[in-house]
Protein backbone atom coordinates (compact mmCIF):
# COMPACT_ATOMS: atom_id res chain seq x y z
CA MET A 1 51.53 116.77 114.46
CA SER A 2 54.91 118.12 113.42
CA THR A 3 55.39 120.45 110.52
CA LEU A 4 56.25 119.46 107.02
CA GLU A 5 59.85 120.54 106.43
CA ILE A 6 62.85 119.75 104.32
CA GLY A 7 65.05 117.13 105.93
CA LEU A 8 62.36 114.81 107.32
CA THR A 9 63.87 111.33 107.21
CA HIS A 10 62.80 107.77 107.82
CA THR A 11 64.53 104.41 107.47
CA SER A 12 62.49 101.22 106.79
CA SER A 13 64.10 97.80 106.97
CA LEU A 14 63.37 94.36 105.63
CA LEU A 15 64.74 90.85 106.20
CA VAL A 16 64.85 89.39 102.68
CA ASP A 17 62.96 86.16 102.33
CA GLN A 18 61.61 84.11 99.45
CA SER A 19 58.61 86.41 98.97
CA HIS A 20 61.03 89.30 98.10
CA THR A 21 62.97 87.51 95.41
CA ALA A 22 62.99 88.21 91.70
CA ILE A 23 61.46 84.79 91.08
CA ALA A 24 58.57 85.38 93.50
CA MET A 25 57.88 88.84 92.03
CA ALA A 26 58.20 87.65 88.46
CA SER A 27 60.84 90.32 87.78
CA GLY A 28 63.69 87.92 87.16
CA ASP A 29 64.77 84.31 87.45
CA MET A 30 67.14 84.33 90.41
CA GLU A 31 66.64 83.96 94.16
CA VAL A 32 67.92 87.45 95.01
CA LEU A 33 66.20 90.58 96.20
CA ALA A 34 63.85 91.80 93.46
CA THR A 35 64.17 95.40 92.31
CA PRO A 36 60.45 96.02 92.91
CA ALA A 37 60.80 94.88 96.54
CA MET A 38 63.73 97.26 97.09
CA MET A 39 61.81 100.10 95.51
CA ALA A 40 58.70 99.36 97.57
CA LEU A 41 60.80 99.68 100.72
CA MET A 42 62.14 102.99 99.44
CA GLU A 43 58.55 104.17 98.90
CA ASN A 44 57.59 103.01 102.36
CA ALA A 45 60.46 105.00 103.88
CA ALA A 46 59.31 108.14 102.06
CA MET A 47 55.67 107.65 103.12
CA MET A 48 56.72 107.17 106.76
CA ALA A 49 59.10 110.19 106.71
CA VAL A 50 56.22 112.58 106.37
CA ALA A 51 53.29 110.61 107.85
CA ASP A 52 53.22 112.54 111.15
CA ALA A 53 53.70 115.93 109.40
CA ILE A 54 50.57 115.95 107.23
CA PRO A 55 46.92 116.28 108.34
CA LYS A 56 45.23 113.19 109.70
CA GLU A 57 42.73 113.08 106.81
CA SER A 58 45.55 113.07 104.26
CA THR A 59 48.15 110.55 103.07
CA THR A 60 50.78 110.49 100.40
CA VAL A 61 50.76 108.51 97.18
CA GLY A 62 53.69 107.58 95.00
CA ALA A 63 53.82 109.23 91.59
CA HIS A 64 57.31 108.53 90.33
CA ILE A 65 60.37 106.62 91.44
CA GLU A 66 63.78 106.28 89.76
CA SER A 67 66.42 104.11 91.26
CA SER A 68 69.52 102.12 90.49
CA HIS A 69 69.88 98.57 91.79
CA LEU A 70 73.62 98.11 92.13
CA ARG A 71 74.20 94.85 94.08
CA PRO A 72 72.41 91.56 94.67
CA THR A 73 71.13 90.64 98.08
CA SER A 74 70.32 87.02 99.01
CA CYS A 75 67.66 85.70 101.36
CA GLY A 76 68.50 85.96 105.05
CA HIS A 77 70.11 89.35 104.72
CA LYS A 78 68.63 92.62 105.99
CA ILE A 79 68.28 95.76 103.89
CA ALA A 80 67.37 99.29 105.00
CA ALA A 81 65.99 102.05 102.82
CA THR A 82 66.24 105.68 103.89
CA ALA A 83 64.24 108.52 102.42
CA VAL A 84 65.09 112.19 102.93
CA LEU A 85 62.60 114.96 101.98
CA ILE A 86 64.55 117.40 99.82
CA LYS A 87 61.95 119.64 98.25
CA ILE A 88 58.31 120.65 98.77
CA GLU A 89 56.20 122.21 96.00
CA GLY A 90 52.64 122.49 97.31
CA PRO A 91 51.32 118.96 97.44
CA LYS A 92 54.46 117.57 95.61
CA LEU A 93 57.14 115.99 97.84
CA PHE A 94 60.55 115.13 96.46
CA PHE A 95 62.84 112.58 98.21
CA ASN A 96 66.28 111.18 97.83
CA VAL A 97 66.18 107.45 98.58
CA THR A 98 69.05 105.04 99.37
CA ALA A 99 69.04 101.33 100.20
CA ILE A 100 71.93 99.58 101.95
CA ASP A 101 72.54 95.94 102.87
CA ASP A 102 73.55 94.66 106.27
CA SER A 103 77.23 94.93 105.30
CA GLY A 104 76.86 98.70 104.70
CA ASN A 105 76.98 98.45 100.90
CA ILE A 106 74.77 100.77 98.93
CA ILE A 107 72.50 98.48 96.89
CA GLY A 108 70.29 101.17 95.34
CA GLN A 109 69.77 104.92 95.22
CA GLY A 110 67.50 107.37 93.46
CA THR A 111 64.67 109.84 93.71
CA HIS A 112 61.01 109.52 94.54
CA LEU A 113 58.02 111.86 94.08
CA ARG A 114 54.93 111.63 96.28
CA PHE A 115 51.74 113.76 96.39
CA ILE A 116 49.80 114.68 99.48
CA VAL A 117 46.20 113.78 98.91
CA ASN A 118 42.97 113.84 100.95
CA LYS A 119 42.09 110.16 101.53
CA ALA A 120 38.36 110.45 101.03
CA LYS A 121 38.63 112.58 97.94
CA PHE A 122 41.26 110.27 96.46
CA LEU A 123 39.16 107.12 97.11
CA SER A 124 36.05 108.81 95.70
CA ARG A 125 37.78 108.81 92.28
CA LEU A 126 37.75 105.01 92.11
C-alpha cells in the first residue's frame, strides 16, 4: 500500500458506444456522449487514483462533482478522464478532473469530492 498524498493521479478511458449516449441515458435526445457518462468516467478516475493508497477495508464514495461538458463526442471515439488529488482534509479528498477526446480536445473539466469510508460501516447504514 502506498501513502495517500497530493498529486496521486489516474486516467480512465472509454470507447464511446450506444450505451453511453444521451439517448440511452435519458439525458438528451442525440446520439452523442452523455454528460452523465463523462462524469462517471471522471469519478472512476478519482476512485482509482487513490485505491491503492487507502486501507483495504476502505473505499471512496463520491459526494460532489462539478464539471463543464464543452464538446460533443460521437460513438466510436475514445475519451480519457484524468483525476488529480489536489487536497486532503481528513476523509475528504478533493480532485481536479479533466476529460479529453481522442483528438486531444478537452471535452470537460471540473472538480470532484470523495470521502474515504469503511466499507462494512458504510453498508451497515443501508
